[in-house]
Protein backbone atom coordinates (compact mmCIF):
# COMPACT_ATOMS: atom_id res chain seq x y z
CA UNK A 1 -133.52 -8.86 196.03
CA UNK A 2 -129.95 -9.57 197.20
CA UNK A 3 -129.24 -9.27 200.92
CA UNK A 4 -127.69 -5.94 201.85
CA UNK A 5 -125.32 -5.78 204.80
CA UNK A 6 -125.96 -3.17 207.45
CA UNK A 7 -123.51 -0.27 207.46
CA UNK A 8 -122.00 1.07 210.66
CA UNK A 9 -124.10 4.24 210.40
CA UNK A 10 -127.28 2.20 209.99
CA UNK A 11 -126.38 0.12 213.02
CA UNK A 12 -125.74 3.24 215.11
CA UNK A 13 -129.15 4.63 214.11
CA UNK A 14 -130.76 1.30 215.01
CA UNK A 15 -128.97 1.24 218.36
CA UNK A 16 -130.13 4.80 219.01
CA UNK A 17 -133.70 3.65 218.42
CA UNK A 18 -133.13 0.55 220.57
CA UNK A 19 -132.14 2.76 223.49
CA UNK A 20 -135.22 4.96 223.11
CA UNK A 21 -137.80 2.23 222.54
CA UNK A 22 -139.56 0.16 225.22
CA UNK A 23 -138.91 -3.53 224.62
CA UNK A 24 -142.58 -4.26 223.99
CA UNK A 25 -142.66 -1.75 221.13
CA UNK A 26 -139.78 -3.13 219.09
CA UNK A 27 -142.10 -4.29 216.33
CA UNK A 28 -142.65 -3.42 212.69
CA UNK A 29 -145.87 -1.52 213.40
CA UNK A 30 -144.17 1.02 215.67
CA UNK A 31 -144.23 4.44 213.91
CA UNK A 32 -140.62 5.11 214.98
CA UNK A 33 -139.54 1.79 213.46
CA UNK A 34 -141.38 2.65 210.25
CA UNK A 35 -139.79 6.11 210.16
CA UNK A 36 -136.25 4.75 210.55
CA UNK A 37 -136.92 2.11 207.91
CA UNK A 38 -137.84 4.83 205.43
CA UNK A 39 -134.80 6.90 206.35
CA UNK A 40 -132.34 4.08 205.66
CA UNK A 41 -134.27 2.42 202.83
CA UNK A 42 -135.05 -0.79 204.68
CA UNK A 43 -138.25 -2.56 205.61
CA UNK A 44 -139.89 -2.07 209.03
CA UNK A 45 -139.51 -5.81 209.57
CA UNK A 46 -135.74 -5.54 208.96
CA UNK A 47 -135.40 -2.66 211.43
CA UNK A 48 -137.51 -4.32 214.11
CA UNK A 49 -135.47 -7.50 213.72
CA UNK A 50 -132.26 -5.52 214.18
CA UNK A 51 -133.62 -4.06 217.42
CA UNK A 52 -134.33 -7.55 218.66
CA UNK A 53 -130.82 -8.55 217.61
CA UNK A 54 -129.48 -5.89 219.97
CA UNK A 55 -131.83 -7.18 222.67
CA UNK A 56 -130.07 -10.53 222.65
CA UNK A 57 -126.91 -8.74 223.81
CA UNK A 58 -128.60 -6.90 226.67
CA UNK A 59 -127.73 -8.46 230.07
CA UNK A 60 -130.80 -6.91 231.69
CA UNK A 61 -133.08 -8.76 229.29
CA UNK A 62 -131.14 -11.99 229.76
CA UNK A 63 -131.62 -11.58 233.51
CA UNK A 64 -135.38 -11.61 232.89
CA UNK A 65 -135.07 -14.66 230.61
CA UNK A 66 -135.85 -12.56 227.52
CA UNK A 67 -133.37 -13.78 224.97
CA UNK A 68 -134.14 -11.59 221.94
CA UNK A 69 -133.25 -12.89 218.49
CA UNK A 70 -131.20 -16.06 218.37
CA UNK A 71 -128.95 -14.85 215.57
CA UNK A 72 -127.13 -11.62 214.88
CA UNK A 73 -124.04 -10.30 213.18
CA UNK A 74 -120.54 -9.61 214.38
CA UNK A 75 -121.17 -5.97 213.51
CA UNK A 76 -124.05 -5.85 216.02
CA UNK A 77 -121.69 -6.97 218.76
CA UNK A 78 -119.01 -4.47 217.72
CA UNK A 79 -121.41 -1.52 217.86
CA UNK A 80 -122.88 -2.72 221.18
CA UNK A 81 -119.46 -3.07 222.78
CA UNK A 82 -118.16 0.18 221.30
CA UNK A 83 -120.78 2.27 223.03
CA UNK A 84 -121.44 0.40 226.27
CA UNK A 85 -118.45 2.03 227.95
CA UNK A 86 -118.74 5.38 226.20
CA UNK A 87 -122.31 6.60 226.43
CA UNK A 88 -121.32 10.19 225.72
CA UNK A 89 -119.91 9.15 222.37
CA UNK A 90 -123.04 7.18 221.51
CA UNK A 91 -125.38 9.95 222.61
CA UNK A 92 -124.03 12.77 220.51
CA UNK A 93 -122.74 10.73 217.58
CA UNK A 94 -126.01 8.87 217.11
CA UNK A 95 -128.17 11.99 217.56
CA UNK A 96 -125.98 13.96 215.14
CA UNK A 97 -126.22 11.13 212.63
CA UNK A 98 -130.00 11.03 213.06
CA UNK A 99 -130.27 14.78 212.50
CA UNK A 100 -128.07 14.58 209.40
CA UNK A 101 -130.12 11.69 208.03
CA UNK A 102 -133.31 13.68 208.54
CA UNK A 103 -131.64 16.75 207.00
CA UNK A 104 -132.10 19.15 209.89
CA UNK A 105 -129.54 20.86 212.16
CA UNK A 106 -128.55 19.15 215.40
CA UNK A 107 -129.52 22.31 217.28
CA UNK A 108 -133.18 21.37 216.79
CA UNK A 109 -132.63 18.49 219.23
CA UNK A 110 -131.09 20.75 221.85
CA UNK A 111 -134.25 22.51 223.13
CA UNK A 112 -132.33 25.65 224.08
CA UNK A 113 -133.51 29.01 225.38
CA UNK A 114 -134.56 31.88 223.13
CA UNK A 115 -131.37 33.85 223.81
CA UNK A 116 -129.17 30.95 222.75
CA UNK A 117 -128.38 32.42 219.32
CA UNK A 118 -126.42 35.27 220.87
CA UNK A 119 -123.79 32.81 222.03
CA UNK A 120 -120.88 32.01 219.78
CA UNK A 121 -117.96 29.66 219.26
CA UNK A 122 -117.00 26.88 221.65
CA UNK A 123 -119.52 27.93 224.30
CA UNK A 124 -122.34 27.46 221.81
CA UNK A 125 -121.02 24.10 220.60
CA UNK A 126 -120.63 22.84 224.15
CA UNK A 127 -124.14 23.91 225.13
CA UNK A 128 -125.60 22.10 222.13
CA UNK A 129 -123.66 18.93 222.92
CA UNK A 130 -124.65 18.96 226.59
CA UNK A 131 -128.32 19.55 225.88
CA UNK A 132 -128.50 16.96 223.10
CA UNK A 133 -126.86 14.42 225.40
CA UNK A 134 -129.20 15.26 228.27
CA UNK A 135 -132.22 14.79 226.03
CA UNK A 136 -130.89 11.43 224.85
CA UNK A 137 -130.38 10.33 228.49
CA UNK A 138 -133.92 11.38 229.36
CA UNK A 139 -135.49 9.56 226.42
CA UNK A 140 -133.50 6.40 227.08
CA UNK A 141 -134.29 6.26 230.79
CA UNK A 142 -137.98 7.06 230.38
CA UNK A 143 -138.35 4.49 227.59
CA UNK A 144 -136.71 1.84 229.77
CA UNK A 145 -139.46 2.34 232.34
CA UNK A 146 -142.23 2.44 229.77
CA UNK A 147 -142.70 6.17 230.41
CA UNK A 148 -143.94 5.50 233.95
CA UNK A 149 -142.61 6.61 237.32
CA UNK A 150 -140.86 3.60 238.82
CA UNK A 151 -142.66 4.17 242.14
CA UNK A 152 -146.10 5.59 241.50
CA UNK A 153 -146.75 4.43 237.96
CA UNK A 154 -147.56 8.01 236.95
CA UNK A 155 -147.43 8.11 233.15
CA UNK A 156 -147.61 11.80 232.22
CA UNK A 157 -144.28 12.53 230.45
CA UNK A 158 -144.37 16.21 231.39
CA UNK A 159 -144.31 15.18 235.07
CA UNK A 160 -141.50 12.64 234.73
CA UNK A 161 -137.75 13.08 235.09
CA UNK A 162 -134.73 10.94 234.31
CA UNK A 163 -133.08 11.19 237.72
CA UNK A 164 -129.33 10.72 237.99
CA UNK A 165 -128.35 8.31 240.78
CA UNK A 166 -124.76 9.52 240.99
CA UNK A 167 -125.15 13.29 240.44
CA UNK A 168 -124.13 14.78 237.08
CA UNK A 169 -121.25 16.72 238.62
CA UNK A 170 -119.79 13.74 240.49
CA UNK A 171 -119.10 11.18 237.76
CA UNK A 172 -118.27 12.49 234.30
CA UNK A 173 -117.86 9.00 232.83
CA UNK A 174 -121.39 7.93 233.78
CA UNK A 175 -123.37 11.11 233.23
CA UNK A 176 -125.15 9.57 230.26
CA UNK A 177 -125.11 5.93 231.30
CA UNK A 178 -128.79 4.95 231.49
CA UNK A 179 -127.92 2.50 234.26
CA UNK A 180 -127.15 5.62 236.31
CA UNK A 181 -130.74 6.79 235.97
CA UNK A 182 -134.25 6.08 237.21
CA UNK A 183 -137.60 7.43 236.03
CA UNK A 184 -139.30 9.38 238.83
CA UNK A 185 -142.19 11.81 239.07
CA UNK A 186 -141.20 15.43 239.68
CA UNK A 187 -141.72 15.32 243.46
CA UNK A 188 -139.80 12.10 244.04
CA UNK A 189 -137.11 13.33 241.65
CA UNK A 190 -136.57 16.47 243.74
CA UNK A 191 -136.56 14.45 246.97
CA UNK A 192 -134.10 11.95 245.47
CA UNK A 193 -131.82 14.73 244.24
CA UNK A 194 -131.83 16.35 247.71
CA UNK A 195 -131.21 13.06 249.53
CA UNK A 196 -134.57 12.96 251.27
CA UNK A 197 -135.20 9.54 249.72
CA UNK A 198 -132.97 6.92 248.20
CA UNK A 199 -133.24 3.58 246.42
CA UNK A 200 -131.53 0.69 248.15
CA UNK A 201 -129.43 -1.95 246.48
CA UNK A 202 -132.50 -4.20 246.77
CA UNK A 203 -134.37 -1.67 244.58
CA UNK A 204 -136.64 -0.38 247.35
CA UNK A 205 -137.44 3.23 248.19
CA UNK A 206 -136.20 4.46 251.56
CA UNK A 207 -137.25 7.72 253.19
CA UNK A 208 -134.80 9.62 255.37
CA UNK A 209 -135.38 10.20 259.08
CA UNK A 210 -135.16 13.92 258.38
CA UNK A 211 -138.22 13.70 256.17
CA UNK A 212 -140.03 11.40 258.60
CA UNK A 213 -139.68 14.09 261.27
CA UNK A 214 -141.65 16.52 259.12
CA UNK A 215 -145.33 16.80 258.28
CA UNK A 216 -147.64 18.04 255.58
CA UNK A 217 -149.16 16.65 252.36
CA UNK A 218 -145.83 16.22 250.52
CA UNK A 219 -144.26 14.33 253.43
CA UNK A 220 -147.33 12.12 253.75
CA UNK A 221 -147.23 11.35 250.04
CA UNK A 222 -143.51 10.46 250.11
CA UNK A 223 -143.89 8.32 253.24
CA UNK A 224 -146.58 6.32 251.47
CA UNK A 225 -143.86 4.74 249.35
CA UNK A 226 -141.31 4.11 252.10
CA UNK A 227 -140.08 0.53 251.64
CA UNK A 228 -141.88 0.10 248.32
CA UNK A 229 -140.06 -1.84 245.62
CA UNK A 230 -139.53 0.11 242.43
CA UNK A 231 -140.81 -1.09 239.10
CA UNK A 232 -137.70 -2.41 237.43
CA UNK A 233 -137.02 -1.25 233.85
CA UNK A 234 -137.11 -3.60 230.90
CA UNK A 235 -133.63 -2.33 229.92
CA UNK A 236 -130.76 -0.64 231.74
CA UNK A 237 -131.39 -1.77 235.31
CA UNK A 238 -129.68 0.66 237.74
CA UNK A 239 -126.25 -0.58 238.73
CA UNK A 240 -125.87 -1.36 242.41
CA UNK A 241 -122.59 0.54 242.62
CA UNK A 242 -124.45 3.72 241.67
CA UNK A 243 -127.20 3.03 244.21
CA UNK A 244 -124.54 2.37 246.84
CA UNK A 245 -122.97 5.77 246.10
CA UNK A 246 -126.32 7.52 246.48
CA UNK A 247 -127.04 5.71 249.74
CA UNK A 248 -123.66 6.65 251.19
CA UNK A 249 -123.05 10.13 249.77
CA UNK A 250 -126.36 11.79 248.88
CA UNK A 251 -128.99 10.23 251.16
CA UNK A 252 -129.63 12.07 254.42
CA UNK A 253 -129.87 9.24 256.95
């Protein structure tokens, strides 16, 4: 069978899967790899190899001396570079493409409230886009941490959140950048959002003096992890400039 070049759409779908797949599961036996292979009429081995091709471009993996595949195409690099500085474009474009390929409406990925259908026009379109993008951010961040809280190791997805380091409202350009996120359990997420804890530029948890002055089971639980080093993700390590912002502008010293 003659070799068939990857199209741009196929590469975007593969990159979408790369973002949402833990590094250790980028293999041909992964059900998500098999599903994408069927959708684009390729073999699971071809899709898994493409994921590893993207891995070779990931600086976070290089930092851990994981080199990925030794060969890749110019098109891989072009897609990687196109989306690295425009995560919002990647999020919605790749999710819309995935929905179209599966032949179902993008709204199914939005997880919206029951009264959503009463909305119309631009408001409805904007809500769909925002929710689809938020879901993509959550999946990407949680996958990067192997679906485990980076502090406690808790691995129940329903109790995990993709926590923004720089708040959503404060940096439009990095709302969907997975390097502006950490995977935290619901309690630590709320404390992080309210500035009661932070993560230092050395990737350690730090509890505020305000919280230390309190008492009770929740305070005791949070203090247990004061100074603890977070479990670093296999992809999309939090950028220190985002952590610095949280330390200086959100954290209650």
